[in-house]
């Protein structure tokens, strides 16, 4: 019998490992990101996970190719939430 809530979807998983590290991406090809999918949903290469930590580790890219990527399909960066303000 389950004794705790599932961590699925995996993007909702949290832990101490989220506060450090370095992301290395090698030999990637991003192709045909046009900002919207055929179904009208947002389709971008870089997007913040809605359940992610406030701290995102640095990402290092090498040998990366962007092919037929529209400006609107490159990244979606939303405004920070008001609760993040630390006055």
Protein backbone atom coordinates (compact mmCIF):
# COMPACT_ATOMS: atom_id res chain seq x y z
CA UNK A 1 0.00 0.00 0.00
CA UNK A 2 1.28 3.50 -0.79
CA UNK A 3 2.43 5.36 2.30
CA UNK A 4 2.97 8.79 0.75
CA UNK A 5 1.97 10.93 -2.22
CA UNK A 6 3.56 10.11 -5.55
CA UNK A 7 6.33 12.35 -6.92
CA UNK A 8 4.76 12.05 -10.38
CA UNK A 9 4.84 14.20 -12.40
CA UNK A 10 8.59 14.19 -11.87
CA UNK A 11 8.92 17.96 -12.38
CA UNK A 12 7.27 18.42 -8.98
CA UNK A 13 10.10 16.58 -7.18
CA UNK A 14 12.10 18.76 -4.80
CA UNK A 15 15.23 18.12 -2.83
CA UNK A 16 18.53 19.53 -1.65
CA UNK A 17 20.13 18.60 -4.97
CA UNK A 18 18.20 21.44 -6.59
CA UNK A 19 20.42 24.01 -4.85
CA UNK A 20 23.72 23.24 -6.51
CA UNK A 21 25.28 21.65 -9.49
CA UNK A 22 25.96 22.48 -13.07
CA UNK A 23 24.03 21.34 -16.13
CA UNK A 24 26.19 20.29 -19.09
CA UNK A 25 24.57 19.74 -22.49
CA UNK A 26 26.73 18.39 -25.30
CA UNK A 27 25.98 17.78 -28.98
CA UNK A 28 22.31 18.85 -28.96
CA UNK A 29 20.24 19.96 -31.92
CA UNK A 30 17.09 22.04 -31.44
CA UNK A 31 15.00 22.09 -34.60
CA UNK A 32 11.68 23.69 -35.67
CA UNK A 33 10.68 25.43 -32.46
CA UNK A 34 8.23 28.02 -33.78
CA UNK A 35 6.69 29.25 -30.52
CA UNK A 36 3.42 27.35 -30.97
CA UNK A 37 2.66 23.70 -31.66
CA UNK A 38 0.18 22.61 -34.32
CA UNK A 39 -2.36 22.28 -31.49
CA UNK A 40 -1.82 25.89 -30.38
CA UNK A 41 0.24 25.11 -27.27
CA UNK A 42 3.45 26.93 -26.37
CA UNK A 43 6.49 25.15 -27.82
CA UNK A 44 9.79 26.69 -26.75
CA UNK A 45 13.30 25.40 -26.10
CA UNK A 46 13.86 27.15 -22.76
CA UNK A 47 11.06 27.52 -20.24
CA UNK A 48 10.91 27.63 -16.45
CA UNK A 49 9.32 24.60 -14.82
CA UNK A 50 6.21 25.85 -12.94
CA UNK A 51 7.14 23.80 -9.84
CA UNK A 52 10.88 24.44 -9.98
CA UNK A 53 13.10 25.92 -7.33
CA UNK A 54 13.86 29.65 -7.39
CA UNK A 55 17.53 28.80 -7.92
CA UNK A 56 18.35 27.41 -11.34
CA UNK A 57 21.88 26.04 -11.77
CA UNK A 58 24.10 27.36 -14.59
CA UNK A 59 23.72 25.56 -17.90
CA UNK A 60 26.78 24.98 -20.11
CA UNK A 61 26.26 24.18 -23.80
CA UNK A 62 28.83 22.86 -26.24
CA UNK A 63 28.42 21.83 -29.88
CA UNK A 64 24.79 22.98 -29.86
CA UNK A 65 22.85 23.62 -33.08
CA UNK A 66 19.69 25.74 -33.39
CA UNK A 67 17.99 25.01 -36.70
CA UNK A 68 14.83 26.76 -37.94
CA UNK A 69 14.05 28.23 -34.49
CA UNK A 70 11.78 31.29 -34.41
CA UNK A 71 12.51 34.08 -31.90
CA UNK A 72 9.24 33.24 -30.12
CA UNK A 73 10.29 29.58 -29.93
CA UNK A 74 13.65 30.23 -28.31
CA UNK A 75 12.59 30.99 -24.73
CA UNK A 76 9.65 31.89 -22.54
CA UNK A 77 10.61 33.78 -19.41
CA UNK A 78 7.67 34.87 -17.29
CA UNK A 79 7.59 37.67 -14.74
CA UNK A 80 8.68 36.66 -11.23
CA UNK A 81 5.93 36.03 -8.72
CA UNK A 82 5.23 38.87 -6.25
CA UNK A 83 5.89 36.56 -3.28
CA UNK A 84 9.52 36.38 -4.44
CA UNK A 85 10.03 40.08 -3.63
CA UNK A 86 12.22 40.43 -0.56
CA UNK A 87 12.01 44.04 0.52
